[in-house]
Amino acid sequence: MLIIRNKQREAFRLYMREKFERRMSAHLQSRFPEQTNDMTEQSMSDFIRSGITKAEGYQIVTEGDVQRFLEYMCTLGADFDINSETSWAAEILENEHIDGSEKIDRIEEYIQSMDDHSI
């Protein structure tokens, strides 16, 4: 029988989080160069960690959903979840009756509907 101790589980969790943070750093720098060019390695790390923490607070926890949350931070602003100019996003994120994936999907739908109206 294999026994995984809490200390080992925590070490693995930290390893996976650091790996995710590195992937997100490369992804965001590649996809959003204008928004990330002036970021140092430390400020990028802080940005990503802040985004992960914010996302978790809205029950957004899967890697794909957290990635999209970070992308919205780049496109809408790091404070899009609390900014009065994007209050529609706050309404979605604070809805306790839908899960994190649905929240991210609704944000995407809202953005797409705005893009459709601007044509």
N, C-alpha and C. Protein backbone atom coordinates (compact mmCIF):
# COMPACT_ATOMS: atom_id res chain seq x y z
N MET A 1 0.84 -1.17 0.00
CA MET A 1 0.00 0.00 0.00
C MET A 1 0.89 1.24 0.00
N LEU A 2 0.49 2.19 -0.83
CA LEU A 2 1.21 3.46 -0.92
C LEU A 2 0.58 4.46 0.04
N ILE A 3 1.42 5.09 0.84
CA ILE A 3 0.94 6.09 1.79
C ILE A 3 1.54 7.44 1.40
N ILE A 4 0.68 8.39 1.17
CA ILE A 4 1.12 9.75 0.85
C ILE A 4 0.83 10.62 2.06
N ARG A 5 1.87 11.14 2.63
CA ARG A 5 1.72 11.97 3.81
C ARG A 5 1.30 13.39 3.43
N ASN A 6 0.74 14.11 4.38
CA ASN A 6 0.29 15.48 4.14
C ASN A 6 1.42 16.36 3.65
N LYS A 7 2.60 16.16 4.22
CA LYS A 7 3.76 16.96 3.82
C LYS A 7 4.10 16.71 2.34
N GLN A 8 4.00 15.48 1.91
CA GLN A 8 4.27 15.15 0.51
C GLN A 8 3.18 15.73 -0.40
N ARG A 9 1.95 15.64 0.04
CA ARG A 9 0.82 16.17 -0.72
C ARG A 9 0.97 17.68 -0.89
N GLU A 10 1.36 18.37 0.15
CA GLU A 10 1.55 19.82 0.10
C GLU A 10 2.71 20.17 -0.82
N ALA A 11 3.79 19.42 -0.77
CA ALA A 11 4.94 19.67 -1.64
C ALA A 11 4.53 19.50 -3.10
N PHE A 12 3.74 18.49 -3.39
CA PHE A 12 3.27 18.26 -4.75
C PHE A 12 2.34 19.39 -5.20
N ARG A 13 1.45 19.85 -4.32
CA ARG A 13 0.54 20.94 -4.64
C ARG A 13 1.33 22.21 -4.98
N LEU A 14 2.34 22.52 -4.18
CA LEU A 14 3.18 23.70 -4.43
C LEU A 14 3.94 23.58 -5.74
N TYR A 15 4.45 22.39 -6.01
CA TYR A 15 5.16 22.14 -7.27
C TYR A 15 4.23 22.38 -8.45
N MET A 16 3.01 21.87 -8.39
CA MET A 16 2.06 22.03 -9.48
C MET A 16 1.65 23.50 -9.64
N ARG A 17 1.50 24.20 -8.54
CA ARG A 17 1.13 25.62 -8.62
C ARG A 17 2.26 26.43 -9.26
N GLU A 18 3.49 26.17 -8.86
CA GLU A 18 4.64 26.87 -9.44
C GLU A 18 4.75 26.59 -10.94
N LYS A 19 4.51 25.35 -11.31
CA LYS A 19 4.54 24.96 -12.72
C LYS A 19 3.45 25.71 -13.50
N PHE A 20 2.26 25.81 -12.93
CA PHE A 20 1.17 26.55 -13.55
C PHE A 20 1.53 28.03 -13.68
N GLU A 21 2.11 28.61 -12.64
CA GLU A 21 2.50 30.01 -12.67
C GLU A 21 3.52 30.28 -13.78
N ARG A 22 4.47 29.37 -13.97
CA ARG A 22 5.47 29.53 -15.04
C ARG A 22 4.80 29.46 -16.42
N ARG A 23 3.88 28.51 -16.58
CA ARG A 23 3.16 28.39 -17.85
C ARG A 23 2.34 29.65 -18.13
N MET A 24 1.69 30.16 -17.09
CA MET A 24 0.86 31.36 -17.27
C MET A 24 1.73 32.57 -17.59
N SER A 25 2.89 32.67 -16.99
CA SER A 25 3.79 33.78 -17.28
C SER A 25 4.16 33.77 -18.76
N ALA A 26 4.58 32.63 -19.26
CA ALA A 26 4.95 32.52 -20.67
C ALA A 26 3.74 32.79 -21.57
N HIS A 27 2.60 32.25 -21.20
CA HIS A 27 1.38 32.42 -22.00
C HIS A 27 0.97 33.89 -22.06
N LEU A 28 0.91 34.55 -20.92
CA LEU A 28 0.46 35.94 -20.89
C LEU A 28 1.44 36.85 -21.62
N GLN A 29 2.74 36.60 -21.46
CA GLN A 29 3.74 37.42 -22.15
C GLN A 29 3.64 37.23 -23.66
N SER A 30 3.32 36.02 -24.09
CA SER A 30 3.20 35.74 -25.52
C SER A 30 1.91 36.31 -26.10
N ARG A 31 0.82 36.14 -25.39
CA ARG A 31 -0.50 36.52 -25.91
C ARG A 31 -0.83 38.00 -25.67
N PHE A 32 -0.28 38.58 -24.62
CA PHE A 32 -0.59 39.97 -24.26
C PHE A 32 0.69 40.79 -24.07
N PRO A 33 1.49 40.91 -25.12
CA PRO A 33 2.77 41.60 -24.97
C PRO A 33 2.64 43.06 -24.55
N GLU A 34 1.62 43.76 -25.05
CA GLU A 34 1.48 45.17 -24.69
C GLU A 34 1.19 45.34 -23.20
N GLN A 35 0.41 44.43 -22.64
CA GLN A 35 0.03 44.53 -21.24
C GLN A 35 1.13 44.02 -20.30
N THR A 36 2.04 43.19 -20.81
CA THR A 36 3.02 42.55 -19.93
C THR A 36 4.46 42.97 -20.18
N ASN A 37 4.72 43.71 -21.24
CA ASN A 37 6.11 44.06 -21.59
C ASN A 37 6.85 44.77 -20.47
N ASP A 38 6.17 45.63 -19.74
CA ASP A 38 6.84 46.40 -18.70
C ASP A 38 6.93 45.67 -17.36
N MET A 39 6.39 44.46 -17.31
CA MET A 39 6.42 43.70 -16.05
C MET A 39 7.77 43.03 -15.86
N THR A 40 8.30 43.14 -14.66
CA THR A 40 9.49 42.38 -14.31
C THR A 40 9.05 40.95 -14.00
N GLU A 41 10.00 40.09 -13.82
CA GLU A 41 9.68 38.70 -13.45
C GLU A 41 8.89 38.68 -12.14
N GLN A 42 9.30 39.52 -11.19
CA GLN A 42 8.62 39.56 -9.89
C GLN A 42 7.21 40.14 -10.02
N SER A 43 7.06 41.23 -10.79
CA SER A 43 5.72 41.81 -10.91
C SER A 43 4.79 40.88 -11.68
N MET A 44 5.32 40.12 -12.64
CA MET A 44 4.49 39.14 -13.35
C MET A 44 4.06 38.04 -12.39
N SER A 45 4.98 37.58 -11.57
CA SER A 45 4.65 36.56 -10.58
C SER A 45 3.60 37.07 -9.61
N ASP A 46 3.75 38.30 -9.15
CA ASP A 46 2.77 38.90 -8.23
C ASP A 46 1.40 39.03 -8.91
N PHE A 47 1.39 39.44 -10.17
CA PHE A 47 0.16 39.58 -10.94
C PHE A 47 -0.57 38.25 -11.03
N ILE A 48 0.17 37.20 -11.38
CA ILE A 48 -0.43 35.87 -11.53
C ILE A 48 -0.93 35.35 -10.19
N ARG A 49 -0.12 35.47 -9.16
CA ARG A 49 -0.54 35.00 -7.84
C ARG A 49 -1.77 35.75 -7.34
N SER A 50 -1.81 37.05 -7.57
CA SER A 50 -2.97 37.84 -7.19
C SER A 50 -4.21 37.36 -7.95
N GLY A 51 -4.04 37.09 -9.24
CA GLY A 51 -5.15 36.60 -10.05
C GLY A 51 -5.65 35.25 -9.59
N ILE A 52 -4.74 34.36 -9.24
CA ILE A 52 -5.12 33.04 -8.75
C ILE A 52 -5.93 33.18 -7.46
N THR A 53 -5.45 34.03 -6.56
CA THR A 53 -6.14 34.25 -5.29
C THR A 53 -7.53 34.84 -5.52
N LYS A 54 -7.62 35.84 -6.40
CA LYS A 54 -8.91 36.44 -6.71
C LYS A 54 -9.85 35.40 -7.29
N ALA A 55 -9.36 34.64 -8.26
CA ALA A 55 -10.19 33.63 -8.91
C ALA A 55 -10.71 32.62 -7.90
N GLU A 56 -9.84 32.16 -7.02
CA GLU A 56 -10.27 31.21 -5.98
C GLU A 56 -11.38 31.80 -5.12
N GLY A 57 -11.32 33.08 -4.86
CA GLY A 57 -12.34 33.75 -4.06
C GLY A 57 -13.71 33.74 -4.74
N TYR A 58 -13.71 33.59 -6.06
CA TYR A 58 -14.96 33.50 -6.82
C TYR A 58 -15.29 32.05 -7.20
N GLN A 59 -14.62 31.10 -6.55
CA GLN A 59 -14.80 29.67 -6.80
C GLN A 59 -14.37 29.27 -8.22
N ILE A 60 -13.44 30.01 -8.77
CA ILE A 60 -12.87 29.68 -10.08
C ILE A 60 -11.56 28.96 -9.79
N VAL A 61 -11.55 27.65 -10.04
CA VAL A 61 -10.42 26.86 -9.56
C VAL A 61 -9.77 25.95 -10.60
N THR A 62 -10.44 25.65 -11.70
CA THR A 62 -9.79 24.78 -12.69
C THR A 62 -8.73 25.58 -13.44
N GLU A 63 -7.70 24.90 -13.92
CA GLU A 63 -6.61 25.60 -14.59
C GLU A 63 -7.10 26.42 -15.78
N GLY A 64 -7.96 25.84 -16.60
CA GLY A 64 -8.45 26.55 -17.77
C GLY A 64 -9.24 27.80 -17.40
N ASP A 65 -10.06 27.70 -16.37
CA ASP A 65 -10.85 28.85 -15.93
C ASP A 65 -9.97 29.92 -15.30
N VAL A 66 -8.98 29.51 -14.52
CA VAL A 66 -8.06 30.49 -13.91
C VAL A 66 -7.26 31.17 -15.02
N GLN A 67 -6.87 30.42 -16.04
CA GLN A 67 -6.15 31.03 -17.16
C GLN A 67 -7.02 32.10 -17.81
N ARG A 68 -8.28 31.81 -18.05
CA ARG A 68 -9.17 32.81 -18.67
C ARG A 68 -9.35 34.01 -17.74
N PHE A 69 -9.44 33.77 -16.43
CA PHE A 69 -9.55 34.88 -15.48
C PHE A 69 -8.32 35.79 -15.60
N LEU A 70 -7.14 35.19 -15.67
CA LEU A 70 -5.90 35.97 -15.83
C LEU A 70 -5.90 36.73 -17.15
N GLU A 71 -6.41 36.11 -18.19
CA GLU A 71 -6.50 36.78 -19.49
C GLU A 71 -7.42 38.00 -19.41
N TYR A 72 -8.53 37.85 -18.69
CA TYR A 72 -9.44 38.99 -18.52
C TYR A 72 -8.78 40.09 -17.70
N MET A 73 -7.94 39.71 -16.76
CA MET A 73 -7.19 40.72 -16.02
C MET A 73 -6.29 41.52 -16.97
N CYS A 74 -5.74 40.85 -17.97
CA CYS A 74 -4.88 41.54 -18.94
C CYS A 74 -5.71 42.43 -19.87
N THR A 75 -6.84 41.94 -20.34
CA THR A 75 -7.61 42.69 -21.32
C THR A 75 -8.53 43.74 -20.71
N LEU A 76 -9.11 43.44 -19.55
CA LEU A 76 -10.07 44.35 -18.93
C LEU A 76 -9.47 45.19 -17.81
N GLY A 77 -8.31 44.78 -17.33
CA GLY A 77 -7.65 45.46 -16.23
C GLY A 77 -7.54 44.55 -15.02
N ALA A 78 -6.47 44.68 -14.29
CA ALA A 78 -6.22 43.80 -13.15
C ALA A 78 -7.32 43.87 -12.10
N ASP A 79 -8.05 44.98 -12.08
CA ASP A 79 -9.11 45.15 -11.10
C ASP A 79 -10.51 45.02 -11.72
N PHE A 80 -10.60 44.31 -12.87
CA PHE A 80 -11.88 44.23 -13.56
C PHE A 80 -13.00 43.66 -12.69
N ASP A 81 -12.63 42.90 -11.69
CA ASP A 81 -13.64 42.27 -10.82
C ASP A 81 -14.26 43.26 -9.83
N ILE A 82 -13.63 44.41 -9.65
CA ILE A 82 -14.16 45.40 -8.70
C ILE A 82 -14.28 46.80 -9.30
N ASN A 83 -13.84 46.97 -10.53
CA ASN A 83 -13.85 48.28 -11.18
C ASN A 83 -15.28 48.66 -11.57
N SER A 84 -15.67 49.89 -11.30
CA SER A 84 -17.03 50.34 -11.62
C SER A 84 -17.30 50.31 -13.13
N GLU A 85 -16.26 50.43 -13.95
CA GLU A 85 -16.44 50.39 -15.40
C GLU A 85 -16.77 48.99 -15.91
N THR A 86 -16.46 47.99 -15.12
CA THR A 86 -16.79 46.61 -15.48
C THR A 86 -17.66 45.99 -14.39
N SER A 87 -18.63 46.77 -13.92
CA SER A 87 -19.51 46.28 -12.85
C SER A 87 -20.31 45.06 -13.27
N TRP A 88 -20.53 44.92 -14.57
CA TRP A 88 -21.23 43.73 -15.08
C TRP A 88 -20.44 42.46 -14.71
N ALA A 89 -19.11 42.54 -14.73
CA ALA A 89 -18.29 41.38 -14.38
C ALA A 89 -18.42 41.06 -12.90
N ALA A 90 -18.46 42.09 -12.07
CA ALA A 90 -18.62 41.88 -10.63
C ALA A 90 -19.94 41.18 -10.33
N GLU A 91 -20.99 41.58 -11.02
CA GLU A 91 -22.30 40.94 -10.82
C GLU A 91 -22.23 39.45 -11.12
N ILE A 92 -21.54 39.10 -12.18
CA ILE A 92 -21.39 37.69 -12.55
C ILE A 92 -20.55 36.96 -11.51
N LEU A 93 -19.39 37.54 -11.18
CA LEU A 93 -18.46 36.88 -10.27
C LEU A 93 -19.02 36.70 -8.87
N GLU A 94 -19.86 37.60 -8.43
CA GLU A 94 -20.40 37.53 -7.08
C GLU A 94 -21.67 36.69 -6.98
N ASN A 95 -22.14 36.17 -8.11
CA ASN A 95 -23.34 35.33 -8.11
C ASN A 95 -23.01 33.99 -7.45
N GLU A 96 -23.59 33.74 -6.31
CA GLU A 96 -23.31 32.51 -5.55
C GLU A 96 -24.09 31.30 -6.05
N HIS A 97 -24.96 31.51 -7.03
CA HIS A 97 -25.80 30.42 -7.53
C HIS A 97 -25.23 29.71 -8.75
N ILE A 98 -24.07 30.17 -9.21
CA ILE A 98 -23.41 29.52 -10.34
C ILE A 98 -21.97 29.19 -9.98
N ASP A 99 -21.45 28.15 -10.60
CA ASP A 99 -20.08 27.73 -10.27
C ASP A 99 -19.06 28.56 -11.06
N GLY A 100 -17.80 28.34 -10.74
CA GLY A 100 -16.73 29.13 -11.33
C GLY A 100 -16.65 29.03 -12.84
N SER A 101 -16.84 27.84 -13.39
CA SER A 101 -16.79 27.67 -14.85
C SER A 101 -17.91 28.45 -15.52
N GLU A 102 -19.09 28.41 -14.95
CA GLU A 102 -20.22 29.15 -15.50
C GLU A 102 -19.96 30.66 -15.43
N LYS A 103 -19.34 31.11 -14.37
CA LYS A 103 -19.01 32.53 -14.24
C LYS A 103 -18.09 32.97 -15.38
N ILE A 104 -17.05 32.19 -15.61
CA ILE A 104 -16.10 32.52 -16.68
C ILE A 104 -16.79 32.47 -18.04
N ASP A 105 -17.65 31.48 -18.25
CA ASP A 105 -18.39 31.38 -19.51
C ASP A 105 -19.29 32.60 -19.71
N ARG A 106 -19.94 33.04 -18.65
CA ARG A 106 -20.83 34.21 -18.77
C ARG A 106 -20.06 35.49 -19.05
N ILE A 107 -18.88 35.62 -18.47
CA ILE A 107 -18.05 36.78 -18.77
C ILE A 107 -17.67 36.76 -20.25
N GLU A 108 -17.28 35.60 -20.74
CA GLU A 108 -16.92 35.47 -22.15
C GLU A 108 -18.11 35.80 -23.05
N GLU A 109 -19.28 35.29 -22.70
CA GLU A 109 -20.49 35.57 -23.48
C GLU A 109 -20.79 37.07 -23.49
N TYR A 110 -20.63 37.73 -22.36
CA TYR A 110 -20.88 39.16 -22.28
C TYR A 110 -19.92 39.92 -23.19
N ILE A 111 -18.65 39.56 -23.13
CA ILE A 111 -17.64 40.23 -23.97
C ILE A 111 -17.95 40.00 -25.44
N GLN A 112 -18.31 38.78 -25.80
CA GLN A 112 -18.64 38.50 -27.20
C GLN A 112 -19.86 39.27 -27.65
N SER A 113 -20.85 39.40 -26.78
CA SER A 113 -22.05 40.16 -27.15
C SER A 113 -21.72 41.64 -27.35
N MET A 114 -20.78 42.16 -26.56
CA MET A 114 -20.36 43.55 -26.73
C MET A 114 -19.61 43.72 -28.05
N ASP A 115 -18.76 42.74 -28.39
CA ASP A 115 -18.04 42.79 -29.65
C ASP A 115 -18.99 42.72 -30.83
N ASP A 116 -20.04 41.91 -30.71
CA ASP A 116 -21.04 41.78 -31.77
C ASP A 116 -21.78 43.09 -32.00
N HIS A 117 -22.03 43.83 -30.91
CA HIS A 117 -22.75 45.09 -31.01
C HIS A 117 -21.89 46.23 -31.54
N SER A 118 -20.58 46.07 -31.48
CA SER A 118 -19.70 47.14 -31.94
C SER A 118 -19.38 47.05 -33.42
N ILE A 119 -19.89 46.03 -34.08
CA ILE A 119 -19.62 45.85 -35.51
C ILE A 119 -20.47 46.79 -36.34
